[in-house]
Amino acid sequence: MTSIDGGKAIEIEDLVVRYGERQVLDHLSLCVAAGEVYGLLGGNGAGKSTTLQAILGFIQPSAGRVSVAGLDPASDPAGVRRTIAYIPENVALYEHLTARENVDYFLQLGGLRADRAEMDAAFRAVGLAEEAWSRSVSGFSKGMRQKTAIALALLRRASVLLLDEPTSGLDPGASADFNALVSRLRGEGAAILIVTHDLIGVADIADRIGFLERGRISAEMVAEGPDRFDLRALHDRFSRVRAG
């Protein structure tokens, strides 16, 4: 996995994004370090999707700055996307291809190759059952699709992962598998930003949780001690954000 100079992975400073007269992000500031999982929570319309689009370089900020592994998504979107693995809520794969064929195809699109042993090691690392490696993904569950996408991220040596509602629709067992995988990637130095509505799920894995409200971080909590977070305080804070 590519190292990040100085431990800085995602830095957002005073980011403003407007769509016409509507201001979606209002001087948003947050950062995610290498080897850290950051959970970003917010209600509908809080600006979560716009934040992801700004990090990926799909929109031009009205003001402020975004940096991903030292690169500016506004001026070098292609460079940033080579650094990032973005895994949306519903992973898009070619249904008629196998997991192995999908990964090989997407690697080739990025000018990369992986031999069979490397690919097998990645599938094994993410916990995708061996019998699924050469099977069409048309019958894959959401959890299996996520594992395929994360195997691709491993092979791409992505140093930054953006995960959009990753546990939505997963059963408890699949959610536990996902959290174990995220912990492993964090241990390897990846910076991971999870955008979610799943308060309990993100509390199990995040090192910090930020609450996005009206386009800015209104509060932030840090995991501490064996219990990590005060779930009652998290719930009360999140309820206020969603009500707002």
C-alpha atoms as a PDB file:
ATOM      1  CA  MET A   1       0.000   0.000   0.000  1.00  0.00           C
ATOM      2  CA  THR A   2       1.332   3.428  -0.960  1.00  0.00           C
ATOM      3  CA  SER A   3       2.601   5.419   2.018  1.00  0.00           C
ATOM      4  CA  ILE A   4       1.360   8.951   2.647  1.00  0.00           C
ATOM      5  CA  ASP A   5       3.933  11.618   3.377  1.00  0.00           C
ATOM      6  CA  GLY A   6       3.660  12.946   6.903  1.00  0.00           C
ATOM      7  CA  GLY A   7       0.623  10.768   7.621  1.00  0.00           C
ATOM      8  CA  LYS A   8      -1.715  13.204   5.861  1.00  0.00           C
ATOM      9  CA  ALA A   9      -4.320  11.532   3.679  1.00  0.00           C
ATOM     10  CA  ILE A  10      -7.455  13.651   3.321  1.00  0.00           C
ATOM     11  CA  GLU A  11      -7.383  17.327   4.273  1.00  0.00           C
ATOM     12  CA  ILE A  12     -10.364  19.614   3.746  1.00  0.00           C
ATOM     13  CA  GLU A  13     -10.036  23.244   4.811  1.00  0.00           C
ATOM     14  CA  ASP A  14     -12.851  25.824   4.741  1.00  0.00           C
ATOM     15  CA  LEU A  15     -14.493  24.097   1.778  1.00  0.00           C
ATOM     16  CA  VAL A  16     -17.431  25.917   0.223  1.00  0.00           C
ATOM     17  CA  VAL A  17     -19.544  24.367  -2.526  1.00  0.00           C
ATOM     18  CA  ARG A  18     -22.502  26.147  -4.074  1.00  0.00           C
ATOM     19  CA  TYR A  19     -25.025  24.963  -6.620  1.00  0.00           C
ATOM     20  CA  GLY A  20     -26.390  28.221  -7.979  1.00  0.00           C
ATOM     21  CA  GLU A  21     -27.711  30.178  -5.012  1.00  0.00           C
ATOM     22  CA  ARG A  22     -27.746  27.143  -2.720  1.00  0.00           C
ATOM     23  CA  GLN A  23     -24.699  26.637  -0.500  1.00  0.00           C
ATOM     24  CA  VAL A  24     -24.245  22.919   0.198  1.00  0.00           C
ATOM     25  CA  LEU A  25     -20.898  22.944   2.014  1.00  0.00           C
ATOM     26  CA  ASP A  26     -20.301  25.842   4.382  1.00  0.00           C
ATOM     27  CA  HIS A  27     -16.584  26.173   5.220  1.00  0.00           C
ATOM     28  CA  LEU A  28     -16.271  22.443   5.862  1.00  0.00           C
ATOM     29  CA  SER A  29     -13.019  21.348   7.516  1.00  0.00           C
ATOM     30  CA  LEU A  30     -11.986  17.783   8.343  1.00  0.00           C
ATOM     31  CA  CYS A  31      -8.972  15.527   8.001  1.00  0.00           C
ATOM     32  CA  VAL A  32      -8.288  11.802   7.943  1.00  0.00           C
ATOM     33  CA  ALA A  33      -4.825  10.489   8.766  1.00  0.00           C
ATOM     34  CA  ALA A  34      -3.097   7.411   7.406  1.00  0.00           C
ATOM     35  CA  GLY A  35      -4.066   4.435   9.563  1.00  0.00           C
ATOM     36  CA  GLU A  36      -7.312   6.076  10.717  1.00  0.00           C
ATOM     37  CA  VAL A  37     -10.997   5.336  10.204  1.00  0.00           C
ATOM     38  CA  TYR A  38     -13.192   8.447  10.186  1.00  0.00           C
ATOM     39  CA  GLY A  39     -16.974   8.126  10.270  1.00  0.00           C
ATOM     40  CA  LEU A  40     -18.959  10.962   8.712  1.00  0.00           C
ATOM     41  CA  LEU A  41     -22.608  11.036   9.763  1.00  0.00           C
ATOM     42  CA  GLY A  42     -25.373  13.372   8.730  1.00  0.00           C
ATOM     43  CA  GLY A  43     -29.001  13.543   7.747  1.00  0.00           C
ATOM     44  CA  ASN A  44     -30.329  13.799   4.214  1.00  0.00           C
ATOM     45  CA  GLY A  45     -29.155  16.992   2.550  1.00  0.00           C
ATOM     46  CA  ALA A  46     -26.337  17.572   5.047  1.00  0.00           C
ATOM     47  CA  GLY A  47     -23.701  17.480   2.291  1.00  0.00           C
ATOM     48  CA  LYS A  48     -22.266  13.945   2.587  1.00  0.00           C
ATOM     49  CA  SER A  49     -22.476  13.139  -1.134  1.00  0.00           C
ATOM     50  CA  THR A  50     -21.112  16.550  -2.084  1.00  0.00           C
ATOM     51  CA  THR A  51     -18.151  15.980   0.241  1.00  0.00           C
ATOM     52  CA  LEU A  52     -17.347  12.709  -1.544  1.00  0.00           C
ATOM     53  CA  GLN A  53     -17.689  14.370  -4.950  1.00  0.00           C
ATOM     54  CA  ALA A  54     -15.276  17.120  -3.899  1.00  0.00           C
ATOM     55  CA  ILE A  55     -12.714  14.578  -2.684  1.00  0.00           C
ATOM     56  CA  LEU A  56     -13.005  12.659  -5.959  1.00  0.00           C
ATOM     57  CA  GLY A  57     -12.635  15.830  -8.024  1.00  0.00           C
ATOM     58  CA  PHE A  58     -16.078  15.671  -9.625  1.00  0.00           C
ATOM     59  CA  ILE A  59     -16.998  19.204  -8.560  1.00  0.00           C
ATOM     60  CA  GLN A  60     -15.087  22.471  -8.342  1.00  0.00           C
ATOM     61  CA  PRO A  61     -15.143  24.164  -4.921  1.00  0.00           C
ATOM     62  CA  SER A  62     -16.386  27.736  -4.690  1.00  0.00           C
ATOM     63  CA  ALA A  63     -13.749  28.341  -1.986  1.00  0.00           C
ATOM     64  CA  GLY A  64     -11.441  26.408   0.294  1.00  0.00           C
ATOM     65  CA  ARG A  65      -9.029  23.568  -0.292  1.00  0.00           C
ATOM     66  CA  VAL A  66      -9.063  19.782  -0.629  1.00  0.00           C
ATOM     67  CA  SER A  67      -5.932  17.648  -0.579  1.00  0.00           C
ATOM     68  CA  VAL A  68      -5.730  13.871  -1.035  1.00  0.00           C
ATOM     69  CA  ALA A  69      -2.292  12.380  -0.385  1.00  0.00           C
ATOM     70  CA  GLY A  70      -0.849  15.778  -1.255  1.00  0.00           C
ATOM     71  CA  LEU A  71      -2.782  16.108  -4.514  1.00  0.00           C
ATOM     72  CA  ASP A  72      -5.506  18.635  -5.377  1.00  0.00           C
ATOM     73  CA  PRO A  73      -8.636  16.926  -6.790  1.00  0.00           C
ATOM     74  CA  ALA A  74      -9.672  20.160  -8.533  1.00  0.00           C
ATOM     75  CA  SER A  75      -6.439  20.399 -10.568  1.00  0.00           C
ATOM     76  CA  ASP A  76      -5.385  16.735 -10.710  1.00  0.00           C
ATOM     77  CA  PRO A  77      -8.530  14.592 -10.499  1.00  0.00           C
ATOM     78  CA  ALA A  78      -6.951  11.685 -12.391  1.00  0.00           C
ATOM     79  CA  GLY A  79      -4.003  11.582  -9.982  1.00  0.00           C
ATOM     80  CA  VAL A  80      -6.323  11.625  -6.984  1.00  0.00           C
ATOM     81  CA  ARG A  81      -8.487   8.828  -8.373  1.00  0.00           C
ATOM     82  CA  ARG A  82      -5.407   6.655  -8.824  1.00  0.00           C
ATOM     83  CA  THR A  83      -4.776   7.070  -5.091  1.00  0.00           C
ATOM     84  CA  ILE A  84      -8.375   6.466  -3.982  1.00  0.00           C
ATOM     85  CA  ALA A  85     -10.564   3.395  -3.920  1.00  0.00           C
ATOM     86  CA  TYR A  86     -14.198   4.520  -3.863  1.00  0.00           C
ATOM     87  CA  ILE A  87     -16.717   1.858  -2.887  1.00  0.00           C
ATOM     88  CA  PRO A  88     -20.317   3.041  -3.288  1.00  0.00           C
ATOM     89  CA  GLU A  89     -23.345   1.697  -1.475  1.00  0.00           C
ATOM     90  CA  ASN A  90     -24.151  -0.563  -4.426  1.00  0.00           C
ATOM     91  CA  VAL A  91     -20.961  -1.853  -6.044  1.00  0.00           C
ATOM     92  CA  ALA A  92     -21.238  -1.896  -9.849  1.00  0.00           C
ATOM     93  CA  LEU A  93     -19.730  -5.015 -11.410  1.00  0.00           C
ATOM     94  CA  TYR A  94     -20.208  -6.642 -14.810  1.00  0.00           C
ATOM     95  CA  GLU A  95     -22.839  -9.265 -14.072  1.00  0.00           C
ATOM     96  CA  HIS A  96     -21.774 -11.725 -16.789  1.00  0.00           C
ATOM     97  CA  LEU A  97     -18.142 -11.746 -15.665  1.00  0.00           C
ATOM     98  CA  THR A  98     -16.633 -13.675 -12.775  1.00  0.00           C
ATOM     99  CA  ALA A  99     -15.118 -11.988  -9.745  1.00  0.00           C
ATOM    100  CA  ARG A 100     -11.661 -12.728 -11.140  1.00  0.00           C
ATOM    101  CA  GLU A 101     -12.574 -11.316 -14.571  1.00  0.00           C
ATOM    102  CA  ASN A 102     -14.099  -8.166 -13.068  1.00  0.00           C
ATOM    103  CA  VAL A 103     -10.998  -7.441 -11.006  1.00  0.00           C
ATOM    104  CA  ASP A 104      -8.689  -8.125 -13.956  1.00  0.00           C
ATOM    105  CA  TYR A 105     -10.739  -5.846 -16.225  1.00  0.00           C
ATOM    106  CA  PHE A 106     -10.795  -2.917 -13.787  1.00  0.00           C
ATOM    107  CA  LEU A 107      -7.078  -3.289 -13.106  1.00  0.00           C
ATOM    108  CA  GLN A 108      -6.371  -3.131 -16.821  1.00  0.00           C
ATOM    109  CA  LEU A 109      -8.476   0.026 -17.138  1.00  0.00           C
ATOM    110  CA  GLY A 110      -6.052   1.623 -14.688  1.00  0.00           C
ATOM    111  CA  GLY A 111      -3.010   0.305 -16.553  1.00  0.00           C
ATOM    112  CA  LEU A 112      -2.282  -2.345 -13.898  1.00  0.00           C
ATOM    113  CA  ARG A 113      -1.968  -6.120 -13.925  1.00  0.00           C
ATOM    114  CA  ALA A 114      -2.045  -8.813 -11.253  1.00  0.00           C
ATOM    115  CA  ASP A 115      -1.038 -12.414 -11.748  1.00  0.00           C
ATOM    116  CA  ARG A 116      -3.226 -15.278 -10.589  1.00  0.00           C
ATOM    117  CA  ALA A 117      -1.353 -15.738  -7.303  1.00  0.00           C
ATOM    118  CA  GLU A 118      -1.677 -12.054  -6.402  1.00  0.00           C
ATOM    119  CA  MET A 119      -5.385 -12.066  -7.200  1.00  0.00           C
ATOM    120  CA  ASP A 120      -5.964 -15.248  -5.196  1.00  0.00           C
ATOM    121  CA  ALA A 121      -4.125 -13.705  -2.235  1.00  0.00           C
ATOM    122  CA  ALA A 122      -6.328 -10.582  -2.414  1.00  0.00           C
ATOM    123  CA  PHE A 123      -9.554 -12.616  -2.530  1.00  0.00           C
ATOM    124  CA  ARG A 124      -8.320 -14.713   0.374  1.00  0.00           C
ATOM    125  CA  ALA A 125      -7.383 -11.601   2.352  1.00  0.00           C
ATOM    126  CA  VAL A 126     -10.876 -10.101   2.055  1.00  0.00           C
ATOM    127  CA  GLY A 127     -12.580 -13.381   2.938  1.00  0.00           C
ATOM    128  CA  LEU A 128     -14.271 -14.069  -0.404  1.00  0.00           C
ATOM    129  CA  ALA A 129     -15.001 -17.805  -0.553  1.00  0.00           C
ATOM    130  CA  GLU A 130     -12.777 -19.614  -3.048  1.00  0.00           C
ATOM    131  CA  GLU A 131     -15.707 -21.146  -4.880  1.00  0.00           C
ATOM    132  CA  ALA A 132     -16.882 -17.620  -5.783  1.00  0.00           C
ATOM    133  CA  TRP A 133     -13.656 -16.473  -7.434  1.00  0.00           C
ATOM    134  CA  SER A 134     -14.496 -18.033 -10.806  1.00  0.00           C
ATOM    135  CA  ARG A 135     -18.262 -17.650 -10.602  1.00  0.00           C
ATOM    136  CA  SER A 136     -20.398 -15.019 -12.307  1.00  0.00           C
ATOM    137  CA  VAL A 137     -21.107 -12.138  -9.934  1.00  0.00           C
ATOM    138  CA  SER A 138     -24.762 -12.021 -11.007  1.00  0.00           C
ATOM    139  CA  GLY A 139     -25.694 -14.105  -7.964  1.00  0.00           C
ATOM    140  CA  PHE A 140     -23.408 -12.325  -5.495  1.00  0.00           C
ATOM    141  CA  SER A 141     -24.777 -10.827  -2.294  1.00  0.00           C
ATOM    142  CA  LYS A 142     -23.968  -7.234  -1.369  1.00  0.00           C
ATOM    143  CA  GLY A 143     -21.292  -8.445   1.034  1.00  0.00           C
ATOM    144  CA  MET A 144     -19.626 -10.541  -1.685  1.00  0.00           C
ATOM    145  CA  ARG A 145     -19.673  -7.569  -4.068  1.00  0.00           C
ATOM    146  CA  GLN A 146     -18.021  -5.399  -1.417  1.00  0.00           C
ATOM    147  CA  LYS A 147     -15.325  -8.004  -0.858  1.00  0.00           C
ATOM    148  CA  THR A 148     -14.662  -8.127  -4.606  1.00  0.00           C
ATOM    149  CA  ALA A 149     -14.354  -4.332  -4.710  1.00  0.00           C
ATOM    150  CA  ILE A 150     -12.032  -4.254  -1.701  1.00  0.00           C
ATOM    151  CA  ALA A 151      -9.871  -6.995  -3.229  1.00  0.00           C
ATOM    152  CA  LEU A 152      -9.527  -4.681  -6.225  1.00  0.00           C
ATOM    153  CA  ALA A 153      -8.529  -1.840  -3.880  1.00  0.00           C
ATOM    154  CA  LEU A 154      -5.838  -4.046  -2.336  1.00  0.00           C
ATOM    155  CA  LEU A 155      -4.423  -4.921  -5.747  1.00  0.00           C
ATOM    156  CA  ARG A 156      -4.433  -1.254  -6.746  1.00  0.00           C
ATOM    157  CA  ARG A 157      -2.481  -0.433  -3.557  1.00  0.00           C
ATOM    158  CA  ALA A 158      -4.985   2.333  -2.792  1.00  0.00           C
ATOM    159  CA  SER A 159      -3.885   4.388   0.211  1.00  0.00           C
ATOM    160  CA  VAL A 160      -7.258   6.137   0.686  1.00  0.00           C
ATOM    161  CA  LEU A 161     -10.635   4.382   0.820  1.00  0.00           C
ATOM    162  CA  LEU A 162     -13.978   6.157   0.547  1.00  0.00           C
ATOM    163  CA  LEU A 163     -16.836   3.931   1.705  1.00  0.00           C
ATOM    164  CA  ASP A 164     -20.389   5.115   1.088  1.00  0.00           C
ATOM    165  CA  GLU A 165     -22.991   3.393   3.313  1.00  0.00           C
ATOM    166  CA  PRO A 166     -20.889   0.201   3.353  1.00  0.00           C
ATOM    167  CA  THR A 167     -22.990  -1.785   5.851  1.00  0.00           C
ATOM    168  CA  SER A 168     -26.424  -0.852   4.491  1.00  0.00           C
ATOM    169  CA  GLY A 169     -28.344  -4.066   3.839  1.00  0.00           C
ATOM    170  CA  LEU A 170     -25.715  -6.367   5.357  1.00  0.00           C
ATOM    171  CA  ASP A 171     -26.675  -9.001   7.920  1.00  0.00           C
ATOM    172  CA  PRO A 172     -24.838  -8.975  11.291  1.00  0.00           C
ATOM    173  CA  GLY A 173     -22.346 -11.621  10.206  1.00  0.00           C
ATOM    174  CA  ALA A 174     -21.450  -9.788   7.002  1.00  0.00           C
ATOM    175  CA  SER A 175     -21.155  -6.497   8.936  1.00  0.00           C
ATOM    176  CA  ALA A 176     -18.735  -8.138  11.378  1.00  0.00           C
ATOM    177  CA  ASP A 177     -16.675  -9.474   8.448  1.00  0.00           C
ATOM    178  CA  PHE A 178     -16.634  -6.005   6.917  1.00  0.00           C
ATOM    179  CA  ASN A 179     -15.462  -4.379  10.156  1.00  0.00           C
ATOM    180  CA  ALA A 180     -12.671  -6.939  10.495  1.00  0.00           C
ATOM    181  CA  LEU A 181     -11.541  -6.161   6.953  1.00  0.00           C
ATOM    182  CA  VAL A 182     -11.583  -2.402   7.593  1.00  0.00           C
ATOM    183  CA  SER A 183      -9.514  -2.955  10.756  1.00  0.00           C
ATOM    184  CA  ARG A 184      -6.963  -4.873   8.730  1.00  0.00           C
ATOM    185  CA  LEU A 185      -6.708  -2.123   6.110  1.00  0.00           C
ATOM    186  CA  ARG A 186      -6.325   0.502   8.837  1.00  0.00           C
ATOM    187  CA  GLY A 187      -3.489  -1.560  10.298  1.00  0.00           C
ATOM    188  CA  GLU A 188      -1.763  -1.509   6.925  1.00  0.00           C
ATOM    189  CA  GLY A 189      -1.833   2.286   6.919  1.00  0.00           C
ATOM    190  CA  ALA A 190      -4.898   3.054   4.802  1.00  0.00           C
ATOM    191  CA  ALA A 191      -6.896   6.201   5.492  1.00  0.00           C
ATOM    192  CA  ILE A 192     -10.579   5.286   5.492  1.00  0.00           C
ATOM    193  CA  LEU A 193     -13.534   7.682   5.316  1.00  0.00           C
ATOM    194  CA  ILE A 194     -16.907   6.043   5.949  1.00  0.00           C
ATOM    195  CA  VAL A 195     -20.012   8.027   5.035  1.00  0.00           C
ATOM    196  CA  THR A 196     -23.029   6.435   6.670  1.00  0.00           C
ATOM    197  CA  HIS A 197     -26.324   6.620   8.537  1.00  0.00           C
ATOM    198  CA  ASP A 198     -25.371   3.515  10.570  1.00  0.00           C
ATOM    199  CA  LEU A 199     -24.511   5.025  13.941  1.00  0.00           C
ATOM    200  CA  ILE A 200     -24.014   1.736  15.807  1.00  0.00           C
ATOM    201  CA  GLY A 201     -22.005   0.131  13.019  1.00  0.00           C
ATOM    202  CA  VAL A 202     -19.616   3.039  12.599  1.00  0.00           C
ATOM    203  CA  ALA A 203     -19.114   3.297  16.376  1.00  0.00           C
ATOM    204  CA  ASP A 204     -17.690  -0.237  16.296  1.00  0.00           C
ATOM    205  CA  ILE A 205     -14.924   0.664  13.860  1.00  0.00           C
ATOM    206  CA  ALA A 206     -14.281   4.426  13.668  1.00  0.00           C
ATOM    207  CA  ASP A 207     -11.458   6.213  15.461  1.00  0.00           C
ATOM    208  CA  ARG A 208     -13.299   9.521  15.132  1.00  0.00           C
ATOM    209  CA  ILE A 209     -16.860  10.405  14.199  1.00  0.00           C
ATOM    210  CA  GLY A 210     -17.843  13.760  12.734  1.00  0.00           C
ATOM    211  CA  PHE A 211     -21.413  15.040  12.514  1.00  0.00           C
ATOM    212  CA  LEU A 212     -22.147  16.922   9.311  1.00  0.00           C
ATOM    213  CA  GLU A 213     -24.891  19.507   9.694  1.00  0.00           C
ATOM    214  CA  ARG A 214     -25.832  22.151   7.127  1.00  0.00           C
ATOM    215  CA  GLY A 215     -22.570  21.642   5.281  1.00  0.00           C
ATOM    216  CA  ARG A 216     -20.101  21.792   8.162  1.00  0.00           C
ATOM    217  CA  ILE A 217     -18.880  19.638  11.051  1.00  0.00           C
ATOM    218  CA  SER A 218     -21.007  20.597  14.036  1.00  0.00           C
ATOM    219  CA  ALA A 219     -19.412  18.137  16.465  1.00  0.00           C
ATOM    220  CA  GLU A 220     -16.721  15.484  16.546  1.00  0.00           C
ATOM    221  CA  MET A 221     -16.170  12.581  18.941  1.00  0.00           C
ATOM    222  CA  VAL A 222     -13.064  10.466  19.486  1.00  0.00           C
ATOM    223  CA  ALA A 223     -12.934   6.773  20.425  1.00  0.00           C
ATOM    224  CA  GLU A 224     -11.549   6.371  23.949  1.00  0.00           C
ATOM    225  CA  GLY A 225     -11.177   3.461  26.351  1.00  0.00           C
ATOM    226  CA  PRO A 226     -12.573  -0.062  26.063  1.00  0.00           C
ATOM    227  CA  ASP A 227     -16.104   1.150  25.307  1.00  0.00           C
ATOM    228  CA  ARG A 228     -14.777   3.463  22.540  1.00  0.00           C
ATOM    229  CA  PHE A 229     -17.817   5.772  22.413  1.00  0.00           C
ATOM    230  CA  ASP A 230     -20.662   6.804  24.707  1.00  0.00           C
ATOM    231  CA  LEU A 231     -23.491   5.432  22.583  1.00  0.00           C
ATOM    232  CA  ARG A 232     -26.148   7.488  24.348  1.00  0.00           C
ATOM    233  CA  ALA A 233     -24.211  10.702  23.655  1.00  0.00           C
ATOM    234  CA  LEU A 234     -23.666   9.617  20.042  1.00  0.00           C
ATOM    235  CA  HIS A 235     -27.360   8.882  19.595  1.00  0.00           C
ATOM    236  CA  ASP A 236     -28.440  12.188  21.148  1.00  0.00           C
ATOM    237  CA  ARG A 237     -25.988  14.123  18.970  1.00  0.00           C
ATOM    238  CA  PHE A 238     -27.044  12.295  15.810  1.00  0.00           C
ATOM    239  CA  SER A 239     -30.734  12.790  16.594  1.00  0.00           C
ATOM    240  CA  ARG A 240     -30.164  16.546  16.802  1.00  0.00           C
ATOM    241  CA  VAL A 241     -28.266  16.557  13.513  1.00  0.00           C
ATOM    242  CA  ARG A 242     -30.977  14.605  11.679  1.00  0.00           C
ATOM    243  CA  ALA A 243     -33.703  16.788  13.154  1.00  0.00           C
ATOM    244  CA  GLY A 244     -31.855  19.855  11.933  1.00  0.00           C
END
